[in-house]
C-alpha atoms as a PDB file:
ATOM      1  CA  MET A   1       0.000   0.000   0.000  1.00  0.00           C
ATOM      2  CA  THR A   2       1.428   3.383  -0.953  1.00  0.00           C
ATOM      3  CA  GLY A   3       0.620   6.827   0.431  1.00  0.00           C
ATOM      4  CA  ARG A   4      -1.288   7.757   3.534  1.00  0.00           C
ATOM      5  CA  ARG A   5      -4.699   6.367   4.227  1.00  0.00           C
ATOM      6  CA  THR A   6      -7.481   8.906   4.666  1.00  0.00           C
ATOM      7  CA  VAL A   7      -9.305   8.499   7.954  1.00  0.00           C
ATOM      8  CA  HIS A   8     -12.978   9.449   7.973  1.00  0.00           C
ATOM      9  CA  PRO A   9     -14.734  10.402  11.226  1.00  0.00           C
ATOM     10  CA  VAL A  10     -17.152   7.799  12.532  1.00  0.00           C
ATOM     11  CA  SER A  11     -18.492   9.858  15.451  1.00  0.00           C
ATOM     12  CA  THR A  12     -19.481  13.475  16.001  1.00  0.00           C
ATOM     13  CA  ILE A  13     -19.630  15.344  19.303  1.00  0.00           C
ATOM     14  CA  ASN A  14     -21.694  18.542  19.333  1.00  0.00           C
ATOM     15  CA  LEU A  15     -20.549  21.065  21.968  1.00  0.00           C
ATOM     16  CA  LYS A  16     -22.813  24.122  22.093  1.00  0.00           C
ATOM     17  CA  THR A  17     -21.600  27.613  22.915  1.00  0.00           C
ATOM     18  CA  GLY A  18     -23.505  29.975  25.170  1.00  0.00           C
ATOM     19  CA  PRO A  19     -23.413  30.910  28.854  1.00  0.00           C
ATOM     20  CA  GLY A  20     -20.564  29.077  30.557  1.00  0.00           C
ATOM     21  CA  ALA A  21     -18.648  28.381  27.333  1.00  0.00           C
ATOM     22  CA  SER A  22     -15.045  29.569  27.250  1.00  0.00           C
ATOM     23  CA  ALA A  23     -11.749  29.058  25.486  1.00  0.00           C
ATOM     24  CA  ALA A  24      -8.300  29.717  26.944  1.00  0.00           C
ATOM     25  CA  ASN A  25      -4.711  29.095  25.929  1.00  0.00           C
ATOM     26  CA  HIS A  26      -2.492  27.816  28.730  1.00  0.00           C
ATOM     27  CA  PRO A  27       1.189  28.350  27.815  1.00  0.00           C
ATOM     28  CA  TYR A  28       3.819  26.608  29.907  1.00  0.00           C
ATOM     29  CA  PRO A  29       7.533  27.462  29.977  1.00  0.00           C
ATOM     30  CA  GLN A  30       8.798  23.852  30.048  1.00  0.00           C
ATOM     31  CA  ARG A  31       6.169  22.036  27.962  1.00  0.00           C
ATOM     32  CA  SER A  32       3.879  22.604  25.002  1.00  0.00           C
ATOM     33  CA  PRO A  33       0.757  24.762  25.465  1.00  0.00           C
ATOM     34  CA  VAL A  34      -2.736  23.466  26.169  1.00  0.00           C
ATOM     35  CA  LEU A  35      -5.907  24.921  24.666  1.00  0.00           C
ATOM     36  CA  GLY A  36      -8.830  24.546  27.060  1.00  0.00           C
ATOM     37  CA  LEU A  37     -12.402  24.626  25.780  1.00  0.00           C
ATOM     38  CA  VAL A  38     -15.218  24.589  28.348  1.00  0.00           C
ATOM     39  CA  PHE A  39     -18.854  23.957  27.454  1.00  0.00           C
ATOM     40  CA  GLY A  40     -20.840  23.945  30.689  1.00  0.00           C
ATOM     41  CA  GLY A  41     -19.843  20.757  32.496  1.00  0.00           C
ATOM     42  CA  VAL A  42     -17.670  19.445  29.642  1.00  0.00           C
ATOM     43  CA  GLN A  43     -14.021  20.424  29.223  1.00  0.00           C
ATOM     44  CA  VAL A  44     -11.913  19.611  26.165  1.00  0.00           C
ATOM     45  CA  LEU A  45      -8.120  19.947  26.227  1.00  0.00           C
ATOM     46  CA  VAL A  46      -6.266  20.288  22.933  1.00  0.00           C
ATOM     47  CA  THR A  47      -2.584  19.403  23.244  1.00  0.00           C
ATOM     48  CA  THR A  48       0.307  18.661  20.939  1.00  0.00           C
ATOM     49  CA  SER A  49       1.323  15.145  19.959  1.00  0.00           C
ATOM     50  CA  ALA A  50       4.003  15.109  22.679  1.00  0.00           C
ATOM     51  CA  GLY A  51       3.921  17.183  25.859  1.00  0.00           C
ATOM     52  CA  ASP A  52       7.579  18.154  25.749  1.00  0.00           C
ATOM     53  CA  ARG A  53       8.034  19.026  22.070  1.00  0.00           C
ATOM     54  CA  VAL A  54       6.226  20.456  19.072  1.00  0.00           C
ATOM     55  CA  THR A  55       6.271  18.929  15.581  1.00  0.00           C
ATOM     56  CA  VAL A  56       5.619  20.422  12.151  1.00  0.00           C
ATOM     57  CA  ASP A  57       2.231  18.666  12.177  1.00  0.00           C
ATOM     58  CA  ASP A  58       1.410  20.368  15.504  1.00  0.00           C
ATOM     59  CA  VAL A  59       2.255  23.785  14.040  1.00  0.00           C
ATOM     60  CA  GLU A  60       0.176  23.115  10.915  1.00  0.00           C
ATOM     61  CA  PHE A  61      -2.794  22.001  13.042  1.00  0.00           C
ATOM     62  CA  ALA A  62      -2.515  25.057  15.326  1.00  0.00           C
ATOM     63  CA  ARG A  63      -2.505  27.374  12.302  1.00  0.00           C
ATOM     64  CA  CYS A  64      -5.483  25.547  10.768  1.00  0.00           C
ATOM     65  CA  LEU A  65      -7.338  25.740  14.095  1.00  0.00           C
ATOM     66  CA  ALA A  66      -6.657  29.495  14.310  1.00  0.00           C
ATOM     67  CA  ARG A  67      -7.891  30.073  10.738  1.00  0.00           C
ATOM     68  CA  GLU A  68     -11.061  28.057  11.257  1.00  0.00           C
ATOM     69  CA  ALA A  69     -11.756  29.662  14.663  1.00  0.00           C
ATOM     70  CA  ALA A  70     -11.413  33.126  13.083  1.00  0.00           C
ATOM     71  CA  SER A  71     -13.729  32.086  10.248  1.00  0.00           C
ATOM     72  CA  PHE A  72     -16.253  30.715  12.780  1.00  0.00           C
ATOM     73  CA  ALA A  73     -16.126  34.012  14.724  1.00  0.00           C
ATOM     74  CA  ARG A  74     -16.749  36.039  11.546  1.00  0.00           C
ATOM     75  CA  SER A  75     -19.710  33.814  10.652  1.00  0.00           C
ATOM     76  CA  VAL A  76     -21.224  34.156  14.130  1.00  0.00           C
ATOM     77  CA  GLU A  77     -20.695  37.949  14.111  1.00  0.00           C
ATOM     78  CA  ARG A  78     -22.231  38.250  10.642  1.00  0.00           C
ATOM     79  CA  MET A  79     -25.310  36.323  11.763  1.00  0.00           C
ATOM     80  CA  PHE A  80     -25.555  38.303  15.020  1.00  0.00           C
ATOM     81  CA  HIS A  81     -25.379  41.669  13.264  1.00  0.00           C
ATOM     82  CA  GLY A  82     -27.464  40.548  10.314  1.00  0.00           C
ATOM     83  CA  LEU A  83     -26.316  41.309   6.790  1.00  0.00           C
ATOM     84  CA  PRO A  84     -26.903  43.089   4.488  1.00  0.00           C
ATOM     85  CA  ASP A  85     -29.827  45.034   6.032  1.00  0.00           C
ATOM     86  CA  GLY A  86     -28.318  45.452   9.514  1.00  0.00           C
ATOM     87  CA  GLU A  87     -31.148  43.544  11.182  1.00  0.00           C
ATOM     88  CA  GLY A  88     -29.679  41.065  13.644  1.00  0.00           C
ATOM     89  CA  VAL A  89     -31.045  37.548  13.597  1.00  0.00           C
ATOM     90  CA  ALA A  90     -29.637  36.576  16.981  1.00  0.00           C
ATOM     91  CA  VAL A  91     -31.752  36.268  20.089  1.00  0.00           C
ATOM     92  CA  ARG A  92     -30.547  37.954  23.266  1.00  0.00           C
END
């Protein structure tokens, strides 16, 4: 078999934002950082492949995560503010 096999997700976990949801980066001087995501009573920790080093794959994933998080934020803001007529569609 040549090349890398593509892995397809077999499960999906839906974590909803709202009151109590938060995201925080936890940098550490002697180990790789940890991204903490809290959704009410559920906490998700995103770490690198090894706690004491960072690989090229880790850097690529972190950059992809940052791009997609920024895109998600723009989409949420656009829906909240309502475009193009300025009427927000979000509920307060």
